[in-house]
Each structure stands twice: as C-alpha cells, then as structure tokens.
Amino acid sequence: MTISEFVARTKRKILEDLRSNQPPSVGRFDANALEEAKRLGEVRIGTHQIQPYSVTLEFLFGKESPSVVTIEVDTPERVVFLPIPDWVIENIWQGDIDGSAHFESHANKLVHGFLAKLTPEANPAEFAPRPPRRRE
C-alpha cells in the first residue's frame, strides 16, 4: 500500500464514522472540539499533513466559517520524503519540481529500482526517446 492509498482509505473510514455519528475508529483527536464541531452541521474532508510516523487529517464541519477538527493517525511504517536528486536537470516551463512522501518500504523499492537502471546492461535504454511523464 502506498502512502496515498493509506491516507485515502483512512480519510474515507473516518468520514464514514463521523457521518454515522460515531467517533473516529482510529487516531487521536480532541473529543471536546469534535463535539463542538458536530453542532455546526455536515462534515467534509479537508487537507492532510504527512509526518515521519503519522498523518494529520482535517475534517471540516459546517458550511459558513467551518470548524476544523484534526485527527492524527499513526502510519503502519515510517514515512520518508524522497526529494528530487541533485543530478536532475530542472527543465520546466511553469511550476515547481518537488519530492514526494512514501512509506520506507516503498521508498526502498523505488531507490533499488532506480539503481537497477544504472547498470551497464539497463542504462543504455534510458537514452532512448520517451514520452513525457508526470510526477505524482
């Protein structure tokens, strides 16, 4: 499972809990803040922040001036951020190049896959023309 899949599944599960008037089944949160926010109306999913060992999810309650309740959920493994390596040439028309967050096991697979592309047998294929690829 990727970090994106983990975040999406966890958000959906907590949203289901909240919509069925139950407390979140996972994570740490301020119970008093949650009770106050529930009085404002329907809940919707907000943003999230990724840390090395947890993800903080935001849930918005109410339509006008919504109240934000944060729920911190431990990740099943350490999360690492993979920056763009120093040797990448930034050749972009508009926007920024940034890294991405991955579970450590997935990050190790990505790094090993990259290293495999550096072997004398595999690397010549990297010089062939390729279609543009989005970074996500």
N, C-alpha and C. Protein backbone atom coordinates (compact mmCIF):
# COMPACT_ATOMS: atom_id res chain seq x y z
N MET A 1 0.84 -1.17 0.00
CA MET A 1 0.00 0.00 0.00
C MET A 1 0.89 1.24 0.00
N THR A 2 0.54 2.22 -0.80
CA THR A 2 1.28 3.48 -0.84
C THR A 2 0.75 4.42 0.23
N ILE A 3 1.50 5.49 0.47
CA ILE A 3 1.05 6.49 1.45
C ILE A 3 -0.25 7.14 0.97
N SER A 4 -0.40 7.36 -0.32
CA SER A 4 -1.63 7.96 -0.86
C SER A 4 -2.83 7.05 -0.62
N GLU A 5 -2.64 5.76 -0.84
CA GLU A 5 -3.73 4.80 -0.59
C GLU A 5 -4.09 4.77 0.90
N PHE A 6 -3.07 4.77 1.75
CA PHE A 6 -3.31 4.76 3.19
C PHE A 6 -4.11 5.99 3.61
N VAL A 7 -3.71 7.17 3.15
CA VAL A 7 -4.40 8.40 3.50
C VAL A 7 -5.84 8.37 3.00
N ALA A 8 -6.04 7.97 1.75
CA ALA A 8 -7.39 7.93 1.17
C ALA A 8 -8.31 6.97 1.94
N ARG A 9 -7.81 5.77 2.22
CA ARG A 9 -8.61 4.78 2.95
C ARG A 9 -8.94 5.27 4.36
N THR A 10 -7.96 5.86 5.01
CA THR A 10 -8.17 6.34 6.38
C THR A 10 -9.16 7.49 6.39
N LYS A 11 -9.04 8.41 5.46
CA LYS A 11 -9.99 9.53 5.37
C LYS A 11 -11.41 9.01 5.16
N ARG A 12 -11.57 8.05 4.23
CA ARG A 12 -12.91 7.51 3.96
C ARG A 12 -13.49 6.82 5.20
N LYS A 13 -12.67 6.05 5.91
CA LYS A 13 -13.14 5.33 7.09
C LYS A 13 -13.58 6.30 8.17
N ILE A 14 -12.77 7.32 8.42
CA ILE A 14 -13.12 8.30 9.44
C ILE A 14 -14.35 9.08 9.03
N LEU A 15 -14.45 9.44 7.75
CA LEU A 15 -15.64 10.16 7.28
C LEU A 15 -16.90 9.31 7.48
N GLU A 16 -16.81 8.02 7.18
CA GLU A 16 -17.95 7.12 7.42
C GLU A 16 -18.32 7.10 8.90
N ASP A 17 -17.31 7.01 9.76
CA ASP A 17 -17.56 7.03 11.21
C ASP A 17 -18.29 8.30 11.61
N LEU A 18 -17.76 9.44 11.17
CA LEU A 18 -18.34 10.73 11.56
C LEU A 18 -19.75 10.92 11.01
N ARG A 19 -19.96 10.50 9.77
CA ARG A 19 -21.30 10.64 9.18
C ARG A 19 -22.33 9.73 9.84
N SER A 20 -21.88 8.64 10.45
CA SER A 20 -22.82 7.77 11.17
C SER A 20 -22.83 8.11 12.66
N ASN A 21 -22.39 9.34 12.97
CA ASN A 21 -22.43 9.90 14.32
C ASN A 21 -21.62 9.08 15.33
N GLN A 22 -20.54 8.47 14.85
CA GLN A 22 -19.63 7.71 15.71
C GLN A 22 -18.31 8.48 15.83
N PRO A 23 -17.58 8.27 16.91
CA PRO A 23 -16.24 8.88 16.98
C PRO A 23 -15.32 8.17 15.98
N PRO A 24 -14.26 8.81 15.56
CA PRO A 24 -13.32 8.16 14.65
C PRO A 24 -12.81 6.85 15.25
N SER A 25 -12.78 5.82 14.44
CA SER A 25 -12.35 4.50 14.91
C SER A 25 -10.83 4.38 14.99
N VAL A 26 -10.12 5.34 14.43
CA VAL A 26 -8.65 5.36 14.51
C VAL A 26 -8.19 6.78 14.81
N GLY A 27 -7.03 6.90 15.37
CA GLY A 27 -6.40 8.20 15.54
C GLY A 27 -6.66 8.87 16.88
N ARG A 28 -5.93 9.97 17.05
CA ARG A 28 -6.04 10.79 18.25
C ARG A 28 -6.67 12.12 17.87
N PHE A 29 -7.58 12.60 18.71
CA PHE A 29 -8.29 13.84 18.42
C PHE A 29 -8.80 14.43 19.72
N ASP A 30 -9.19 15.68 19.68
CA ASP A 30 -9.77 16.37 20.83
C ASP A 30 -11.27 16.10 20.83
N ALA A 31 -11.72 15.28 21.76
CA ALA A 31 -13.14 14.89 21.81
C ALA A 31 -14.05 16.10 22.02
N ASN A 32 -13.62 17.05 22.82
CA ASN A 32 -14.44 18.25 23.06
C ASN A 32 -14.58 19.08 21.78
N ALA A 33 -13.48 19.25 21.06
CA ALA A 33 -13.53 20.00 19.80
C ALA A 33 -14.42 19.30 18.79
N LEU A 34 -14.39 17.97 18.77
CA LEU A 34 -15.23 17.21 17.85
C LEU A 34 -16.70 17.41 18.18
N GLU A 35 -17.05 17.34 19.45
CA GLU A 35 -18.46 17.53 19.85
C GLU A 35 -18.95 18.92 19.50
N GLU A 36 -18.11 19.93 19.72
CA GLU A 36 -18.49 21.31 19.36
C GLU A 36 -18.68 21.43 17.85
N ALA A 37 -17.78 20.86 17.09
CA ALA A 37 -17.82 20.97 15.63
C ALA A 37 -19.05 20.26 15.06
N LYS A 38 -19.44 19.13 15.64
CA LYS A 38 -20.60 18.38 15.14
C LYS A 38 -21.87 19.23 15.15
N ARG A 39 -21.95 20.19 16.04
CA ARG A 39 -23.14 21.06 16.14
C ARG A 39 -23.27 22.00 14.95
N LEU A 40 -22.19 22.16 14.21
CA LEU A 40 -22.21 23.10 13.08
C LEU A 40 -22.79 22.50 11.81
N GLY A 41 -22.98 21.20 11.78
CA GLY A 41 -23.58 20.60 10.60
C GLY A 41 -22.72 19.53 9.97
N GLU A 42 -22.98 19.33 8.69
CA GLU A 42 -22.37 18.22 7.95
C GLU A 42 -20.84 18.32 7.90
N VAL A 43 -20.23 17.15 7.85
CA VAL A 43 -18.77 17.06 7.81
C VAL A 43 -18.29 16.77 6.39
N ARG A 44 -17.13 17.32 6.07
CA ARG A 44 -16.48 17.01 4.80
C ARG A 44 -14.98 16.91 5.04
N ILE A 45 -14.31 16.29 4.10
CA ILE A 45 -12.88 16.04 4.23
C ILE A 45 -12.09 17.30 3.89
N GLY A 46 -11.07 17.56 4.70
CA GLY A 46 -10.16 18.67 4.46
C GLY A 46 -8.82 18.16 3.96
N THR A 47 -7.78 18.88 4.26
CA THR A 47 -6.44 18.53 3.80
C THR A 47 -5.78 17.54 4.77
N HIS A 48 -4.55 17.21 4.48
CA HIS A 48 -3.78 16.35 5.38
C HIS A 48 -2.32 16.78 5.36
N GLN A 49 -1.62 16.42 6.42
CA GLN A 49 -0.19 16.67 6.51
C GLN A 49 0.49 15.36 6.88
N ILE A 50 1.59 15.09 6.22
CA ILE A 50 2.32 13.84 6.45
C ILE A 50 3.56 14.13 7.29
N GLN A 51 3.75 13.34 8.33
CA GLN A 51 4.93 13.40 9.18
C GLN A 51 5.62 12.03 9.11
N PRO A 52 6.81 11.90 9.70
CA PRO A 52 7.53 10.63 9.60
C PRO A 52 6.79 9.41 10.16
N TYR A 53 5.98 9.57 11.18
CA TYR A 53 5.32 8.41 11.77
C TYR A 53 3.80 8.55 11.86
N SER A 54 3.26 9.61 11.29
CA SER A 54 1.81 9.82 11.37
C SER A 54 1.32 10.72 10.25
N VAL A 55 0.01 10.75 10.11
CA VAL A 55 -0.66 11.64 9.17
C VAL A 55 -1.72 12.40 9.95
N THR A 56 -1.75 13.71 9.79
CA THR A 56 -2.77 14.52 10.44
C THR A 56 -3.82 14.86 9.40
N LEU A 57 -5.05 14.43 9.65
CA LEU A 57 -6.16 14.63 8.73
C LEU A 57 -7.06 15.73 9.25
N GLU A 58 -7.58 16.54 8.36
CA GLU A 58 -8.51 17.60 8.74
C GLU A 58 -9.91 17.25 8.25
N PHE A 59 -10.89 17.49 9.11
CA PHE A 59 -12.29 17.33 8.76
C PHE A 59 -12.98 18.64 9.07
N LEU A 60 -13.77 19.13 8.11
CA LEU A 60 -14.43 20.42 8.22
C LEU A 60 -15.91 20.22 8.56
N PHE A 61 -16.38 20.96 9.54
CA PHE A 61 -17.78 20.89 9.95
C PHE A 61 -18.43 22.24 9.72
N GLY A 62 -19.62 22.23 9.12
CA GLY A 62 -20.35 23.46 8.85
C GLY A 62 -19.96 24.04 7.50
N LYS A 63 -20.85 24.90 6.98
CA LYS A 63 -20.61 25.48 5.65
C LYS A 63 -19.97 26.85 5.74
N GLU A 64 -20.56 27.74 6.52
CA GLU A 64 -20.00 29.09 6.66
C GLU A 64 -19.06 29.09 7.85
N SER A 65 -17.87 29.57 7.64
CA SER A 65 -16.84 29.57 8.69
C SER A 65 -16.74 28.20 9.34
N PRO A 66 -16.34 27.20 8.58
CA PRO A 66 -16.32 25.84 9.13
C PRO A 66 -15.31 25.69 10.27
N SER A 67 -15.62 24.75 11.12
CA SER A 67 -14.73 24.38 12.21
C SER A 67 -13.87 23.21 11.73
N VAL A 68 -12.59 23.26 12.03
CA VAL A 68 -11.67 22.22 11.60
C VAL A 68 -11.32 21.33 12.79
N VAL A 69 -11.49 20.03 12.60
CA VAL A 69 -11.09 19.06 13.62
C VAL A 69 -9.97 18.23 13.01
N THR A 70 -8.85 18.14 13.73
CA THR A 70 -7.73 17.35 13.24
C THR A 70 -7.69 16.01 13.96
N ILE A 71 -7.32 14.99 13.21
CA ILE A 71 -7.19 13.64 13.74
C ILE A 71 -5.82 13.13 13.30
N GLU A 72 -5.00 12.78 14.27
CA GLU A 72 -3.66 12.27 13.97
C GLU A 72 -3.68 10.76 14.00
N VAL A 73 -3.26 10.15 12.90
CA VAL A 73 -3.29 8.70 12.74
C VAL A 73 -1.86 8.20 12.53
N ASP A 74 -1.47 7.20 13.32
CA ASP A 74 -0.15 6.60 13.14
C ASP A 74 -0.11 5.84 11.82
N THR A 75 1.02 5.92 11.13
CA THR A 75 1.20 5.18 9.89
C THR A 75 1.73 3.78 10.21
N PRO A 76 1.47 2.81 9.35
CA PRO A 76 1.92 1.45 9.62
C PRO A 76 3.43 1.28 9.57
N GLU A 77 4.12 2.24 9.00
CA GLU A 77 5.58 2.22 8.98
C GLU A 77 6.06 3.65 8.82
N ARG A 78 7.34 3.85 8.99
CA ARG A 78 7.92 5.18 8.86
C ARG A 78 7.71 5.69 7.44
N VAL A 79 7.43 6.97 7.31
CA VAL A 79 7.27 7.62 6.01
C VAL A 79 8.54 8.40 5.73
N VAL A 80 9.06 8.27 4.53
CA VAL A 80 10.23 9.05 4.13
C VAL A 80 9.85 9.95 2.97
N PHE A 81 10.51 11.08 2.87
CA PHE A 81 10.27 12.02 1.77
C PHE A 81 11.41 11.86 0.78
N LEU A 82 11.07 11.60 -0.45
CA LEU A 82 12.08 11.42 -1.49
C LEU A 82 12.22 12.72 -2.28
N PRO A 83 13.28 13.45 -2.04
CA PRO A 83 13.48 14.68 -2.82
C PRO A 83 13.97 14.36 -4.22
N ILE A 84 13.90 15.35 -5.07
CA ILE A 84 14.45 15.20 -6.40
C ILE A 84 15.98 15.14 -6.25
N PRO A 85 16.62 14.14 -6.82
CA PRO A 85 18.08 14.05 -6.68
C PRO A 85 18.78 15.26 -7.28
N ASP A 86 19.97 15.55 -6.77
CA ASP A 86 20.74 16.72 -7.22
C ASP A 86 21.05 16.68 -8.71
N TRP A 87 21.13 15.50 -9.31
CA TRP A 87 21.53 15.41 -10.71
C TRP A 87 20.37 15.60 -11.69
N VAL A 88 19.17 15.80 -11.20
CA VAL A 88 18.03 16.05 -12.08
C VAL A 88 18.12 17.48 -12.60
N ILE A 89 18.02 17.63 -13.89
CA ILE A 89 18.03 18.96 -14.50
C ILE A 89 16.60 19.47 -14.57
N GLU A 90 16.38 20.62 -13.98
CA GLU A 90 15.04 21.20 -14.00
C GLU A 90 14.83 21.88 -15.34
N ASN A 91 14.00 21.28 -16.15
CA ASN A 91 13.69 21.82 -17.46
C ASN A 91 12.18 21.92 -17.55
N ILE A 92 11.64 22.96 -16.92
CA ILE A 92 10.18 23.10 -16.84
C ILE A 92 9.78 24.48 -17.32
N TRP A 93 8.64 24.52 -17.95
CA TRP A 93 8.13 25.78 -18.48
C TRP A 93 7.46 26.58 -17.37
N GLN A 94 6.67 25.89 -16.54
CA GLN A 94 5.94 26.58 -15.48
C GLN A 94 5.78 25.61 -14.31
N GLY A 95 5.89 26.10 -13.08
CA GLY A 95 5.68 25.27 -11.91
C GLY A 95 6.97 24.90 -11.22
N ASP A 96 6.84 24.10 -10.18
CA ASP A 96 7.99 23.68 -9.38
C ASP A 96 8.14 22.18 -9.42
N ILE A 97 9.36 21.73 -9.22
CA ILE A 97 9.61 20.31 -9.05
C ILE A 97 9.83 20.10 -7.56
N ASP A 98 9.19 19.11 -6.99
CA ASP A 98 9.30 18.83 -5.57
C ASP A 98 9.44 17.33 -5.40
N GLY A 99 9.58 16.87 -4.18
CA GLY A 99 9.66 15.45 -3.90
C GLY A 99 8.29 14.89 -3.56
N SER A 100 8.29 13.70 -3.01
CA SER A 100 7.03 13.05 -2.63
C SER A 100 7.26 12.18 -1.41
N ALA A 101 6.21 11.89 -0.67
CA ALA A 101 6.31 11.08 0.53
C ALA A 101 5.93 9.63 0.22
N HIS A 102 6.67 8.71 0.79
CA HIS A 102 6.43 7.28 0.57
C HIS A 102 6.71 6.53 1.87
N PHE A 103 6.06 5.39 2.06
CA PHE A 103 6.45 4.53 3.15
C PHE A 103 7.88 4.07 2.90
N GLU A 104 8.61 3.80 3.97
CA GLU A 104 10.01 3.44 3.84
C GLU A 104 10.20 2.23 2.92
N SER A 105 9.34 1.20 3.04
CA SER A 105 9.50 0.01 2.19
C SER A 105 9.31 0.36 0.72
N HIS A 106 8.35 1.22 0.42
CA HIS A 106 8.11 1.63 -0.96
C HIS A 106 9.26 2.50 -1.46
N ALA A 107 9.76 3.39 -0.59
CA ALA A 107 10.89 4.24 -0.96
C ALA A 107 12.11 3.38 -1.29
N ASN A 108 12.35 2.34 -0.48
CA ASN A 108 13.48 1.45 -0.75
C ASN A 108 13.32 0.75 -2.09
N LYS A 109 12.10 0.33 -2.43
CA LYS A 109 11.86 -0.31 -3.73
C LYS A 109 12.13 0.68 -4.87
N LEU A 110 11.68 1.94 -4.68
CA LEU A 110 11.92 2.95 -5.72
C LEU A 110 13.42 3.20 -5.90
N VAL A 111 14.14 3.31 -4.80
CA VAL A 111 15.58 3.55 -4.88
C VAL A 111 16.30 2.36 -5.53
N HIS A 112 15.93 1.14 -5.12
CA HIS A 112 16.56 -0.04 -5.73
C HIS A 112 16.23 -0.15 -7.22
N GLY A 113 14.99 0.21 -7.58
CA GLY A 113 14.62 0.22 -8.99
C GLY A 113 15.42 1.23 -9.78
N PHE A 114 15.66 2.39 -9.16
CA PHE A 114 16.48 3.40 -9.81
C PHE A 114 17.91 2.90 -9.99
N LEU A 115 18.47 2.31 -8.93
CA LEU A 115 19.83 1.79 -9.02
C LEU A 115 19.96 0.71 -10.08
N ALA A 116 18.92 -0.10 -10.24
CA ALA A 116 18.94 -1.15 -11.27
C ALA A 116 19.03 -0.54 -12.66
N LYS A 117 18.50 0.66 -12.83
CA LYS A 117 18.56 1.32 -14.14
C LYS A 117 19.95 1.87 -14.46
N LEU A 118 20.83 1.85 -13.46
CA LEU A 118 22.18 2.37 -13.67
C LEU A 118 23.18 1.32 -14.12
N THR A 119 22.76 0.07 -14.18
CA THR A 119 23.69 -1.00 -14.58
C THR A 119 24.08 -0.84 -16.04
N PRO A 120 25.24 -1.35 -16.38
CA PRO A 120 25.69 -1.25 -17.78
C PRO A 120 24.71 -1.90 -18.76
N GLU A 121 24.00 -2.92 -18.33
CA GLU A 121 23.05 -3.60 -19.23
C GLU A 121 21.77 -2.79 -19.42
N ALA A 122 21.27 -2.18 -18.37
CA ALA A 122 19.97 -1.49 -18.44
C ALA A 122 20.07 -0.03 -18.83
N ASN A 123 21.16 0.63 -18.47
CA ASN A 123 21.24 2.07 -18.64
C ASN A 123 21.16 2.57 -20.07
N PRO A 124 21.71 1.88 -21.07
CA PRO A 124 21.60 2.41 -22.44
C PRO A 124 20.15 2.66 -22.88
N ALA A 125 19.20 1.89 -22.39
CA ALA A 125 17.80 2.10 -22.76
C ALA A 125 17.28 3.45 -22.26
N GLU A 126 17.91 3.99 -21.24
CA GLU A 126 17.49 5.28 -20.69
C GLU A 126 17.78 6.44 -21.66
N PHE A 127 18.63 6.20 -22.62
CA PHE A 127 18.97 7.24 -23.59
C PHE A 127 17.97 7.32 -24.74
N ALA A 128 17.11 6.33 -24.87
CA ALA A 128 16.11 6.32 -25.95
C ALA A 128 15.04 7.38 -25.68
N PRO A 129 14.45 7.93 -26.75
CA PRO A 129 13.36 8.91 -26.55
C PRO A 129 12.20 8.26 -25.80
N ARG A 130 11.61 9.03 -24.89
CA ARG A 130 10.48 8.57 -24.09
C ARG A 130 9.37 9.61 -24.13
N PRO A 131 8.14 9.17 -24.01
CA PRO A 131 7.05 10.17 -23.92
C PRO A 131 7.14 10.91 -22.59
N PRO A 132 6.63 12.14 -22.53
CA PRO A 132 6.65 12.88 -21.26
C PRO A 132 5.93 12.12 -20.17
N ARG A 133 6.40 12.28 -18.94
CA ARG A 133 5.82 11.59 -17.80
C ARG A 133 5.56 12.58 -16.69
N ARG A 134 4.37 12.49 -16.09
CA ARG A 134 4.03 13.37 -14.97
C ARG A 134 4.60 12.81 -13.68
N ARG A 135 5.04 13.68 -12.81
CA ARG A 135 5.49 13.27 -11.47
C ARG A 135 4.33 13.46 -10.53
N GLU A 136 3.99 12.40 -9.79
CA GLU A 136 2.89 12.50 -8.82
C GLU A 136 3.31 11.94 -7.50
